[in-house]
Amino acid sequence: MIVHITEFTDPQPGQKRKTKWLFTLNDHEWFCIAGIWRSHPQAGEAFTMLTMEPGEDVKPYHHRQIIPLTRDRWADWLDPTVPAANVLTALPKGSLTVTRVFPPAEPALL
């Protein structure tokens, strides 16, 4: 279960630390990420989150993105009869709300 995704970009002017961005999937309190796992006798269980070219919401912030799955895609991702190409697609533009976490926004002057 994932509540949000974070990405980092170059620091804002005057900052030393990278800028941190929070991505939240609209209309979802939480969501899943497409991934694969396997069990290995020596290493134990291992997993990876799948990535793809960024969708329109992520493209301004990063050159890759994980693949969030909306509720209507969960069962399809777990169903081996459904081609992965039908499930592993970018979300429509506007599906993710983006918020700058660091540095915090300047307080508004009264």
PDB file of N, CA and C in Angstrom:
ATOM      1  N   MET A   1       0.847  -1.167   0.000  1.00  0.00           N
ATOM      2  CA  MET A   1       0.000   0.000   0.000  1.00  0.00           C
ATOM      3  C   MET A   1       0.893   1.230   0.000  1.00  0.00           C
ATOM      4  N   ILE A   2       0.657   2.146  -0.907  1.00  0.00           N
ATOM      5  CA  ILE A   2       1.410   3.382  -1.026  1.00  0.00           C
ATOM      6  C   ILE A   2       0.427   4.539  -0.889  1.00  0.00           C
ATOM      7  N   VAL A   3       0.829   5.567  -0.157  1.00  0.00           N
ATOM      8  CA  VAL A   3      -0.019   6.739   0.012  1.00  0.00           C
ATOM      9  C   VAL A   3       0.403   7.843  -0.944  1.00  0.00           C
ATOM     10  N   HIS A   4       1.695   7.963  -1.209  1.00  0.00           N
ATOM     11  CA  HIS A   4       2.205   8.974  -2.125  1.00  0.00           C
ATOM     12  C   HIS A   4       3.578   8.549  -2.648  1.00  0.00           C
ATOM     13  N   ILE A   5       4.031   9.281  -3.647  1.00  0.00           N
ATOM     14  CA  ILE A   5       5.326   9.053  -4.276  1.00  0.00           C
ATOM     15  C   ILE A   5       6.139  10.329  -4.083  1.00  0.00           C
ATOM     16  N   THR A   6       7.439  10.219  -3.893  1.00  0.00           N
ATOM     17  CA  THR A   6       8.274  11.411  -3.833  1.00  0.00           C
ATOM     18  C   THR A   6       9.329  11.358  -4.926  1.00  0.00           C
ATOM     19  N   GLU A   7       9.686  12.518  -5.419  1.00  0.00           N
ATOM     20  CA  GLU A   7      10.772  12.688  -6.388  1.00  0.00           C
ATOM     21  C   GLU A   7      11.597  13.883  -5.948  1.00  0.00           C
ATOM     22  N   PHE A   8      12.835  13.945  -6.413  1.00  0.00           N
ATOM     23  CA  PHE A   8      13.733  15.036  -6.066  1.00  0.00           C
ATOM     24  C   PHE A   8      14.277  15.674  -7.340  1.00  0.00           C
ATOM     25  N   THR A   9      14.383  17.006  -7.334  1.00  0.00           N
ATOM     26  CA  THR A   9      14.962  17.738  -8.456  1.00  0.00           C
ATOM     27  C   THR A   9      16.097  18.614  -7.929  1.00  0.00           C
ATOM     28  N   ASP A  10      16.778  19.292  -8.835  1.00  0.00           N
ATOM     29  CA  ASP A  10      17.864  20.185  -8.427  1.00  0.00           C
ATOM     30  C   ASP A  10      17.359  21.180  -7.386  1.00  0.00           C
ATOM     31  N   PRO A  11      18.258  21.655  -6.540  1.00  0.00           N
ATOM     32  CA  PRO A  11      17.849  22.606  -5.500  1.00  0.00           C
ATOM     33  C   PRO A  11      17.240  23.882  -6.073  1.00  0.00           C
ATOM     34  N   GLN A  12      16.323  24.472  -5.323  1.00  0.00           N
ATOM     35  CA  GLN A  12      15.775  25.777  -5.661  1.00  0.00           C
ATOM     36  C   GLN A  12      16.894  26.811  -5.502  1.00  0.00           C
ATOM     37  N   PRO A  13      16.823  27.959  -6.178  1.00  0.00           N
ATOM     38  CA  PRO A  13      17.857  28.991  -6.011  1.00  0.00           C
ATOM     39  C   PRO A  13      18.044  29.344  -4.528  1.00  0.00           C
ATOM     40  N   GLY A  14      19.301  29.372  -4.086  1.00  0.00           N
ATOM     41  CA  GLY A  14      19.611  29.705  -2.709  1.00  0.00           C
ATOM     42  C   GLY A  14      19.575  28.520  -1.754  1.00  0.00           C
ATOM     43  N   GLN A  15      19.232  27.331  -2.240  1.00  0.00           N
ATOM     44  CA  GLN A  15      19.159  26.125  -1.410  1.00  0.00           C
ATOM     45  C   GLN A  15      20.323  25.201  -1.749  1.00  0.00           C
ATOM     46  N   LYS A  16      20.746  24.408  -0.763  1.00  0.00           N
ATOM     47  CA  LYS A  16      21.785  23.406  -0.996  1.00  0.00           C
ATOM     48  C   LYS A  16      21.178  22.023  -1.215  1.00  0.00           C
ATOM     49  N   ARG A  17      20.070  21.742  -0.521  1.00  0.00           N
ATOM     50  CA  ARG A  17      19.422  20.430  -0.636  1.00  0.00           C
ATOM     51  C   ARG A  17      18.520  20.391  -1.865  1.00  0.00           C
ATOM     52  N   LYS A  18      18.356  19.198  -2.397  1.00  0.00           N
ATOM     53  CA  LYS A  18      17.471  19.014  -3.538  1.00  0.00           C
ATOM     54  C   LYS A  18      16.033  19.355  -3.162  1.00  0.00           C
ATOM     55  N   THR A  19      15.268  19.747  -4.160  1.00  0.00           N
ATOM     56  CA  THR A  19      13.856  20.042  -3.958  1.00  0.00           C
ATOM     57  C   THR A  19      13.086  18.726  -3.931  1.00  0.00           C
ATOM     58  N   LYS A  20      12.223  18.574  -2.945  1.00  0.00           N
ATOM     59  CA  LYS A  20      11.446  17.344  -2.780  1.00  0.00           C
ATOM     60  C   LYS A  20      10.001  17.610  -3.186  1.00  0.00           C
ATOM     61  N   TRP A  21       9.464  16.729  -4.026  1.00  0.00           N
ATOM     62  CA  TRP A  21       8.105  16.838  -4.536  1.00  0.00           C
ATOM     63  C   TRP A  21       7.289  15.627  -4.092  1.00  0.00           C
ATOM     64  N   LEU A  22       6.050  15.853  -3.732  1.00  0.00           N
ATOM     65  CA  LEU A  22       5.135  14.809  -3.295  1.00  0.00           C
ATOM     66  C   LEU A  22       4.055  14.635  -4.368  1.00  0.00           C
ATOM     67  N   PHE A  23       3.836  13.401  -4.804  1.00  0.00           N
ATOM     68  CA  PHE A  23       2.817  13.085  -5.799  1.00  0.00           C
ATOM     69  C   PHE A  23       1.744  12.225  -5.130  1.00  0.00           C
ATOM     70  N   THR A  24       0.502  12.651  -5.221  1.00  0.00           N
ATOM     71  CA  THR A  24      -0.619  11.929  -4.640  1.00  0.00           C
ATOM     72  C   THR A  24      -1.600  11.587  -5.758  1.00  0.00           C
ATOM     73  N   LEU A  25      -2.083  10.365  -5.768  1.00  0.00           N
ATOM     74  CA  LEU A  25      -3.033   9.939  -6.792  1.00  0.00           C
ATOM     75  C   LEU A  25      -4.418  10.470  -6.432  1.00  0.00           C
ATOM     76  N   ASN A  26      -4.964  11.295  -7.301  1.00  0.00           N
ATOM     77  CA  ASN A  26      -6.278  11.900  -7.059  1.00  0.00           C
ATOM     78  C   ASN A  26      -7.353  10.836  -6.844  1.00  0.00           C
ATOM     79  N   ASP A  27      -8.260  11.103  -5.930  1.00  0.00           N
ATOM     80  CA  ASP A  27      -9.402  10.233  -5.649  1.00  0.00           C
ATOM     81  C   ASP A  27      -9.015   8.862  -5.109  1.00  0.00           C
ATOM     82  N   HIS A  28      -7.803   8.726  -4.570  1.00  0.00           N
ATOM     83  CA  HIS A  28      -7.341   7.475  -3.975  1.00  0.00           C
ATOM     84  C   HIS A  28      -6.671   7.788  -2.638  1.00  0.00           C
ATOM     85  N   GLU A  29      -7.134   7.192  -1.561  1.00  0.00           N
ATOM     86  CA  GLU A  29      -6.462   7.369  -0.276  1.00  0.00           C
ATOM     87  C   GLU A  29      -5.121   6.654  -0.282  1.00  0.00           C
ATOM     88  N   TRP A  30      -5.020   5.584  -1.054  1.00  0.00           N
ATOM     89  CA  TRP A  30      -3.786   4.843  -1.227  1.00  0.00           C
ATOM     90  C   TRP A  30      -3.884   4.106  -2.557  1.00  0.00           C
ATOM     91  N   PHE A  31      -2.746   3.587  -3.012  1.00  0.00           N
ATOM     92  CA  PHE A  31      -2.729   2.883  -4.293  1.00  0.00           C
ATOM     93  C   PHE A  31      -1.617   1.846  -4.283  1.00  0.00           C
ATOM     94  N   CYS A  32      -1.592   1.048  -5.316  1.00  0.00           N
ATOM     95  CA  CYS A  32      -0.572   0.013  -5.461  1.00  0.00           C
ATOM     96  C   CYS A  32       0.393   0.406  -6.576  1.00  0.00           C
ATOM     97  N   ILE A  33       1.563  -0.215  -6.567  1.00  0.00           N
ATOM     98  CA  ILE A  33       2.573   0.004  -7.589  1.00  0.00           C
ATOM     99  C   ILE A  33       2.865  -1.334  -8.255  1.00  0.00           C
ATOM    100  N   ALA A  34       2.951  -1.322  -9.577  1.00  0.00           N
ATOM    101  CA  ALA A  34       3.279  -2.541 -10.308  1.00  0.00           C
ATOM    102  C   ALA A  34       4.690  -2.979  -9.936  1.00  0.00           C
ATOM    103  N   GLY A  35       4.818  -4.239  -9.616  1.00  0.00           N
ATOM    104  CA  GLY A  35       6.120  -4.767  -9.258  1.00  0.00           C
ATOM    105  C   GLY A  35       6.175  -6.265  -9.469  1.00  0.00           C
ATOM    106  N   ILE A  36       7.354  -6.795  -9.328  1.00  0.00           N
ATOM    107  CA  ILE A  36       7.543  -8.242  -9.413  1.00  0.00           C
ATOM    108  C   ILE A  36       8.388  -8.677  -8.222  1.00  0.00           C
ATOM    109  N   TRP A  37       8.240  -9.921  -7.824  1.00  0.00           N
ATOM    110  CA  TRP A  37       9.042 -10.455  -6.715  1.00  0.00           C
ATOM    111  C   TRP A  37       9.377 -11.901  -7.013  1.00  0.00           C
ATOM    112  N   ARG A  38      10.404 -12.358  -6.314  1.00  0.00           N
ATOM    113  CA  ARG A  38      10.781 -13.761  -6.420  1.00  0.00           C
ATOM    114  C   ARG A  38      11.482 -14.173  -5.136  1.00  0.00           C
ATOM    115  N   SER A  39      11.518 -15.456  -4.941  1.00  0.00           N
ATOM    116  CA  SER A  39      12.213 -16.011  -3.790  1.00  0.00           C
ATOM    117  C   SER A  39      13.483 -16.682  -4.299  1.00  0.00           C
ATOM    118  N   HIS A  40      14.590 -16.417  -3.615  1.00  0.00           N
ATOM    119  CA  HIS A  40      15.869 -16.975  -4.005  1.00  0.00           C
ATOM    120  C   HIS A  40      16.437 -17.738  -2.808  1.00  0.00           C
ATOM    121  N   PRO A  41      16.949 -18.960  -3.004  1.00  0.00           N
ATOM    122  CA  PRO A  41      17.411 -19.772  -1.876  1.00  0.00           C
ATOM    123  C   PRO A  41      18.474 -19.088  -1.002  1.00  0.00           C
ATOM    124  N   GLN A  42      19.403 -18.346  -1.609  1.00  0.00           N
ATOM    125  CA  GLN A  42      20.450 -17.707  -0.819  1.00  0.00           C
ATOM    126  C   GLN A  42      20.076 -16.280  -0.391  1.00  0.00           C
ATOM    127  N   ALA A  43      19.396 -15.550  -1.244  1.00  0.00           N
ATOM    128  CA  ALA A  43      19.112 -14.134  -0.964  1.00  0.00           C
ATOM    129  C   ALA A  43      17.787 -13.922  -0.242  1.00  0.00           C
ATOM    130  N   GLY A  44      16.914 -14.901  -0.286  1.00  0.00           N
ATOM    131  CA  GLY A  44      15.584 -14.717   0.298  1.00  0.00           C
ATOM    132  C   GLY A  44      14.643 -14.085  -0.705  1.00  0.00           C
ATOM    133  N   GLU A  45      13.639 -13.401  -0.204  1.00  0.00           N
ATOM    134  CA  GLU A  45      12.672 -12.771  -1.099  1.00  0.00           C
ATOM    135  C   GLU A  45      13.198 -11.419  -1.561  1.00  0.00           C
ATOM    136  N   ALA A  46      12.988 -11.128  -2.827  1.00  0.00           N
ATOM    137  CA  ALA A  46      13.425  -9.866  -3.415  1.00  0.00           C
ATOM    138  C   ALA A  46      12.309  -9.329  -4.290  1.00  0.00           C
ATOM    139  N   PHE A  47      12.237  -8.009  -4.394  1.00  0.00           N
ATOM    140  CA  PHE A  47      11.221  -7.406  -5.238  1.00  0.00           C
ATOM    141  C   PHE A  47      11.792  -6.179  -5.927  1.00  0.00           C
ATOM    142  N   THR A  48      11.089  -5.744  -6.946  1.00  0.00           N
ATOM    143  CA  THR A  48      11.411  -4.495  -7.615  1.00  0.00           C
ATOM    144  C   THR A  48      10.116  -3.810  -8.020  1.00  0.00           C
ATOM    145  N   MET A  49      10.119  -2.498  -7.956  1.00  0.00           N
ATOM    146  CA  MET A  49       8.999  -1.716  -8.456  1.00  0.00           C
ATOM    147  C   MET A  49       9.291  -1.413  -9.919  1.00  0.00           C
ATOM    148  N   LEU A  50       8.328  -1.639 -10.783  1.00  0.00           N
ATOM    149  CA  LEU A  50       8.533  -1.402 -12.203  1.00  0.00           C
ATOM    150  C   LEU A  50       8.461   0.087 -12.506  1.00  0.00           C
ATOM    151  N   THR A  51       9.280   0.515 -13.472  1.00  0.00           N
ATOM    152  CA  THR A  51       9.291   1.910 -13.889  1.00  0.00           C
ATOM    153  C   THR A  51       9.025   2.007 -15.380  1.00  0.00           C
ATOM    154  N   MET A  52       8.725   3.213 -15.809  1.00  0.00           N
ATOM    155  CA  MET A  52       8.441   3.473 -17.217  1.00  0.00           C
ATOM    156  C   MET A  52       8.817   4.918 -17.537  1.00  0.00           C
ATOM    157  N   GLU A  53       8.695   5.283 -18.796  1.00  0.00           N
ATOM    158  CA  GLU A  53       8.851   6.691 -19.176  1.00  0.00           C
ATOM    159  C   GLU A  53       7.835   7.490 -18.377  1.00  0.00           C
ATOM    160  N   PRO A  54       8.154   8.710 -17.993  1.00  0.00           N
ATOM    161  CA  PRO A  54       7.227   9.460 -17.150  1.00  0.00           C
ATOM    162  C   PRO A  54       5.961   9.865 -17.890  1.00  0.00           C
ATOM    163  N   GLY A  55       4.865   9.862 -17.151  1.00  0.00           N
ATOM    164  CA  GLY A  55       3.617  10.404 -17.673  1.00  0.00           C
ATOM    165  C   GLY A  55       3.678  11.926 -17.621  1.00  0.00           C
ATOM    166  N   GLU A  56       2.645  12.565 -18.119  1.00  0.00           N
ATOM    167  CA  GLU A  56       2.632  14.031 -18.203  1.00  0.00           C
ATOM    168  C   GLU A  56       2.785  14.708 -16.843  1.00  0.00           C
ATOM    169  N   ASP A  57       2.246  14.120 -15.775  1.00  0.00           N
ATOM    170  CA  ASP A  57       2.338  14.750 -14.455  1.00  0.00           C
ATOM    171  C   ASP A  57       3.737  14.658 -13.858  1.00  0.00           C
ATOM    172  N   VAL A  58       4.489  13.623 -14.201  1.00  0.00           N
ATOM    173  CA  VAL A  58       5.813  13.407 -13.610  1.00  0.00           C
ATOM    174  C   VAL A  58       6.925  13.975 -14.501  1.00  0.00           C
ATOM    175  N   LYS A  59       6.708  14.055 -15.780  1.00  0.00           N
ATOM    176  CA  LYS A  59       7.741  14.462 -16.745  1.00  0.00           C
ATOM    177  C   LYS A  59       8.485  15.749 -16.363  1.00  0.00           C
ATOM    178  N   PRO A  60       7.832  16.771 -15.828  1.00  0.00           N
ATOM    179  CA  PRO A  60       8.588  17.973 -15.456  1.00  0.00           C
ATOM    180  C   PRO A  60       9.557  17.756 -14.284  1.00  0.00           C
ATOM    181  N   TYR A  61       9.434  16.627 -13.571  1.00  0.00           N
ATOM    182  CA  TYR A  61      10.203  16.409 -12.358  1.00  0.00           C
ATOM    183  C   TYR A  61      11.214  15.263 -12.443  1.00  0.00           C
ATOM    184  N   HIS A  62      10.994  14.319 -13.353  1.00  0.00           N
ATOM    185  CA  HIS A  62      11.898  13.168 -13.392  1.00  0.00           C
ATOM    186  C   HIS A  62      11.812  12.488 -14.756  1.00  0.00           C
ATOM    187  N   HIS A  63      12.900  11.773 -15.137  1.00  0.00           N
ATOM    188  CA  HIS A  63      12.958  11.112 -16.445  1.00  0.00           C
ATOM    189  C   HIS A  63      12.369   9.699 -16.434  1.00  0.00           C
ATOM    190  N   ARG A  64      12.023   9.177 -15.258  1.00  0.00           N
ATOM    191  CA  ARG A  64      11.383   7.862 -15.112  1.00  0.00           C
ATOM    192  C   ARG A  64      10.306   7.991 -14.043  1.00  0.00           C
ATOM    193  N   GLN A  65       9.429   7.007 -13.976  1.00  0.00           N
ATOM    194  CA  GLN A  65       8.467   6.971 -12.882  1.00  0.00           C
ATOM    195  C   GLN A  65       8.070   5.543 -12.595  1.00  0.00           C
ATOM    196  N   ILE A  66       7.673   5.301 -11.351  1.00  0.00           N
ATOM    197  CA  ILE A  66       7.096   4.006 -11.016  1.00  0.00           C
ATOM    198  C   ILE A  66       5.719   3.945 -11.675  1.00  0.00           C
ATOM    199  N   ILE A  67       5.112   2.767 -11.665  1.00  0.00           N
ATOM    200  CA  ILE A  67       3.819   2.601 -12.336  1.00  0.00           C
ATOM    201  C   ILE A  67       2.723   2.432 -11.292  1.00  0.00           C
ATOM    202  N   PRO A  68       2.025   3.528 -10.953  1.00  0.00           N
ATOM    203  CA  PRO A  68       0.925   3.398 -10.000  1.00  0.00           C
ATOM    204  C   PRO A  68      -0.248   2.691 -10.655  1.00  0.00           C
ATOM    205  N   LEU A  69      -0.904   1.864  -9.871  1.00  0.00           N
ATOM    206  CA  LEU A  69      -2.068   1.130 -10.374  1.00  0.00           C
ATOM    207  C   LEU A  69      -3.325   1.643  -9.681  1.00  0.00           C
ATOM    208  N   THR A  70      -4.268   2.114 -10.472  1.00  0.00           N
ATOM    209  CA  THR A  70      -5.562   2.511  -9.928  1.00  0.00           C
ATOM    210  C   THR A  70      -6.354   1.254  -9.588  1.00  0.00           C
ATOM    211  N   ARG A  71      -7.382   1.404  -8.778  1.00  0.00           N
ATOM    212  CA  ARG A  71      -8.161   0.245  -8.306  1.00  0.00           C
ATOM    213  C   ARG A  71      -8.644  -0.658  -9.442  1.00  0.00           C
ATOM    214  N   ASP A  72      -9.032  -0.058 -10.551  1.00  0.00           N
ATOM    215  CA  ASP A  72      -9.551  -0.860 -11.658  1.00  0.00           C
ATOM    216  C   ASP A  72      -8.469  -1.672 -12.366  1.00  0.00           C
ATOM    217  N   ARG A  73      -7.192  -1.464 -12.023  1.00  0.00           N
ATOM    218  CA  ARG A  73      -6.095  -2.218 -12.641  1.00  0.00           C
ATOM    219  C   ARG A  73      -5.499  -3.279 -11.722  1.00  0.00           C
ATOM    220  N   TRP A  74      -5.844  -3.277 -10.446  1.00  0.00           N
ATOM    221  CA  TRP A  74      -5.227  -4.217  -9.504  1.00  0.00           C
ATOM    222  C   TRP A  74      -5.392  -5.664  -9.940  1.00  0.00           C
ATOM    223  N   ALA A  75      -6.625  -6.081 -10.182  1.00  0.00           N
ATOM    224  CA  ALA A  75      -6.891  -7.478 -10.532  1.00  0.00           C
ATOM    225  C   ALA A  75      -6.233  -7.844 -11.862  1.00  0.00           C
ATOM    226  N   ASP A  76      -6.247  -6.905 -12.818  1.00  0.00           N
ATOM    227  CA  ASP A  76      -5.627  -7.182 -14.115  1.00  0.00           C
ATOM    228  C   ASP A  76      -4.122  -7.415 -13.969  1.00  0.00           C
ATOM    229  N   TRP A  77      -3.450  -6.647 -13.106  1.00  0.00           N
ATOM    230  CA  TRP A  77      -2.011  -6.823 -12.933  1.00  0.00           C
ATOM    231  C   TRP A  77      -1.698  -8.199 -12.351  1.00  0.00           C
ATOM    232  N   LEU A  78      -2.566  -8.699 -11.503  1.00  0.00           N
ATOM    233  CA  LEU A  78      -2.338 -10.002 -10.877  1.00  0.00           C
ATOM    234  C   LEU A  78      -2.835 -11.172 -11.729  1.00  0.00           C
ATOM    235  N   ASP A  79      -3.538 -10.890 -12.807  1.00  0.00           N
ATOM    236  CA  ASP A  79      -4.098 -11.927 -13.676  1.00  0.00           C
ATOM    237  C   ASP A  79      -3.120 -12.242 -14.806  1.00  0.00           C
ATOM    238  N   PRO A  80      -2.530 -13.438 -14.826  1.00  0.00           N
ATOM    239  CA  PRO A  80      -1.532 -13.750 -15.855  1.00  0.00           C
ATOM    240  C   PRO A  80      -2.102 -13.833 -17.273  1.00  0.00           C
ATOM    241  N   THR A  81      -3.424 -13.864 -17.418  1.00  0.00           N
ATOM    242  CA  THR A  81      -4.008 -13.910 -18.760  1.00  0.00           C
ATOM    243  C   THR A  81      -4.147 -12.520 -19.382  1.00  0.00           C
ATOM    244  N   VAL A  82      -3.983 -11.464 -18.578  1.00  0.00           N
ATOM    245  CA  VAL A  82      -4.069 -10.097 -19.093  1.00  0.00           C
ATOM    246  C   VAL A  82      -2.675  -9.640 -19.497  1.00  0.00           C
ATOM    247  N   PRO A  83      -2.493  -9.233 -20.752  1.00  0.00           N
ATOM    248  CA  PRO A  83      -1.166  -8.783 -21.188  1.00  0.00           C
ATOM    249  C   PRO A  83      -0.691  -7.576 -20.365  1.00  0.00           C
ATOM    250  N   ALA A  84       0.569  -7.615 -19.951  1.00  0.00           N
ATOM    251  CA  ALA A  84       1.126  -6.529 -19.149  1.00  0.00           C
ATOM    252  C   ALA A  84       0.995  -5.183 -19.854  1.00  0.00           C
ATOM    253  N   ALA A  85       1.118  -5.176 -21.169  1.00  0.00           N
ATOM    254  CA  ALA A  85       1.021  -3.918 -21.928  1.00  0.00           C
ATOM    255  C   ALA A  85      -0.347  -3.256 -21.752  1.00  0.00           C
ATOM    256  N   ASN A  86      -1.363  -4.033 -21.422  1.00  0.00           N
ATOM    257  CA  ASN A  86      -2.705  -3.471 -21.193  1.00  0.00           C
ATOM    258  C   ASN A  86      -2.805  -2.776 -19.846  1.00  0.00           C
ATOM    259  N   VAL A  87      -1.905  -3.103 -18.939  1.00  0.00           N
ATOM    260  CA  VAL A  87      -1.976  -2.584 -17.564  1.00  0.00           C
ATOM    261  C   VAL A  87      -0.912  -1.523 -17.307  1.00  0.00           C
ATOM    262  N   LEU A  88       0.273  -1.710 -17.852  1.00  0.00           N
ATOM    263  CA  LEU A  88       1.410  -0.848 -17.548  1.00  0.00           C
ATOM    264  C   LEU A  88       1.450   0.358 -18.476  1.00  0.00           C
ATOM    265  N   THR A  89       0.531   1.266 -18.253  1.00  0.00           N
ATOM    266  CA  THR A  89       0.427   2.472 -19.069  1.00  0.00           C
ATOM    267  C   THR A  89       0.453   3.698 -18.165  1.00  0.00           C
ATOM    268  N   ALA A  90       0.790   4.822 -18.757  1.00  0.00           N
ATOM    269  CA  ALA A  90       0.812   6.076 -17.994  1.00  0.00           C
ATOM    270  C   ALA A  90      -0.610   6.481 -17.623  1.00  0.00           C
ATOM    271  N   LEU A  91      -0.719   7.133 -16.497  1.00  0.00           N
ATOM    272  CA  LEU A  91      -2.010   7.673 -16.078  1.00  0.00           C
ATOM    273  C   LEU A  91      -2.328   8.910 -16.907  1.00  0.00           C
ATOM    274  N   PRO A  92      -3.608   9.214 -17.081  1.00  0.00           N
ATOM    275  CA  PRO A  92      -3.964  10.432 -17.820  1.00  0.00           C
ATOM    276  C   PRO A  92      -3.431  11.684 -17.113  1.00  0.00           C
ATOM    277  N   LYS A  93      -3.119  12.709 -17.896  1.00  0.00           N
ATOM    278  CA  LYS A  93      -2.651  13.974 -17.343  1.00  0.00           C
ATOM    279  C   LYS A  93      -3.660  14.479 -16.317  1.00  0.00           C
ATOM    280  N   GLY A  94      -3.152  14.954 -15.178  1.00  0.00           N
ATOM    281  CA  GLY A  94      -4.021  15.458 -14.120  1.00  0.00           C
ATOM    282  C   GLY A  94      -4.410  14.419 -13.094  1.00  0.00           C
ATOM    283  N   SER A  95      -3.900  13.185 -13.223  1.00  0.00           N
ATOM    284  CA  SER A  95      -4.221  12.117 -12.266  1.00  0.00           C
ATOM    285  C   SER A  95      -3.469  12.274 -10.956  1.00  0.00           C
ATOM    286  N   LEU A  96      -2.313  12.946 -11.002  1.00  0.00           N
ATOM    287  CA  LEU A  96      -1.482  13.113  -9.811  1.00  0.00           C
ATOM    288  C   LEU A  96      -1.452  14.581  -9.390  1.00  0.00           C
ATOM    289  N   THR A  97      -1.663  14.817  -8.107  1.00  0.00           N
ATOM    290  CA  THR A  97      -1.490  16.153  -7.547  1.00  0.00           C
ATOM    291  C   THR A  97      -0.040  16.263  -7.090  1.00  0.00           C
ATOM    292  N   VAL A  98       0.623  17.352  -7.459  1.00  0.00           N
ATOM    293  CA  VAL A  98       2.033  17.553  -7.128  1.00  0.00           C
ATOM    294  C   VAL A  98       2.148  18.695  -6.119  1.00  0.00           C
ATOM    295  N   THR A  99       2.883  18.426  -5.026  1.00  0.00           N
ATOM    296  CA  THR A  99       3.094  19.423  -3.981  1.00  0.00           C
ATOM    297  C   THR A  99       4.576  19.498  -3.656  1.00  0.00           C
ATOM    298  N   ARG A 100       5.113  20.701  -3.580  1.00  0.00           N
ATOM    299  CA  ARG A 100       6.501  20.865  -3.169  1.00  0.00           C
ATOM    300  C   ARG A 100       6.568  20.721  -1.649  1.00  0.00           C
ATOM    301  N   VAL A 101       7.402  19.786  -1.180  1.00  0.00           N
ATOM    302  CA  VAL A 101       7.548  19.521   0.243  1.00  0.00           C
ATOM    303  C   VAL A 101       8.745  20.280   0.814  1.00  0.00           C
ATOM    304  N   PHE A 102       9.857  20.314   0.069  1.00  0.00           N
ATOM    305  CA  PHE A 102      11.045  21.042   0.496  1.00  0.00           C
ATOM    306  C   PHE A 102      11.659  21.740  -0.707  1.00  0.00           C
ATOM    307  N   PRO A 103      12.079  22.981  -0.552  1.00  0.00           N
ATOM    308  CA  PRO A 103      11.890  23.787   0.637  1.00  0.00           C
ATOM    309  C   PRO A 103      10.428  24.204   0.774  1.00  0.00           C
ATOM    310  N   PRO A 104      10.008  24.442   2.001  1.00  0.00           N
ATOM    311  CA  PRO A 104       8.616  24.839   2.192  1.00  0.00           C
ATOM    312  C   PRO A 104       8.325  26.154   1.470  1.00  0.00           C
ATOM    313  N   ALA A 105       7.091  26.309   1.083  1.00  0.00           N
ATOM    314  CA  ALA A 105       6.683  27.542   0.407  1.00  0.00           C
ATOM    315  C   ALA A 105       6.853  28.730   1.343  1.00  0.00           C
ATOM    316  N   GLU A 106       7.195  29.852   0.782  1.00  0.00           N
ATOM    317  CA  GLU A 106       7.338  31.077   1.573  1.00  0.00           C
ATOM    318  C   GLU A 106       5.969  31.479   2.110  1.00  0.00           C
ATOM    319  N   PRO A 107       5.896  31.889   3.378  1.00  0.00           N
ATOM    320  CA  PRO A 107       4.603  32.334   3.918  1.00  0.00           C
ATOM    321  C   PRO A 107       4.147  33.609   3.177  1.00  0.00           C
ATOM    322  N   ALA A 108       2.862  33.680   2.986  1.00  0.00           N
ATOM    323  CA  ALA A 108       2.298  34.851   2.299  1.00  0.00           C
ATOM    324  C   ALA A 108       2.385  36.071   3.202  1.00  0.00           C
ATOM    325  N   LEU A 109       2.741  37.201   2.613  1.00  0.00           N
ATOM    326  CA  LEU A 109       2.783  38.448   3.369  1.00  0.00           C
ATOM    327  C   LEU A 109       1.391  39.033   3.463  1.00  0.00           C
ATOM    328  N   LEU A 110       1.057  39.551   4.610  1.00  0.00           N
ATOM    329  CA  LEU A 110      -0.274  40.150   4.795  1.00  0.00           C
ATOM    330  C   LEU A 110      -0.303  41.552   4.288  1.00  0.00           C
TER     331      LEU A 110
END
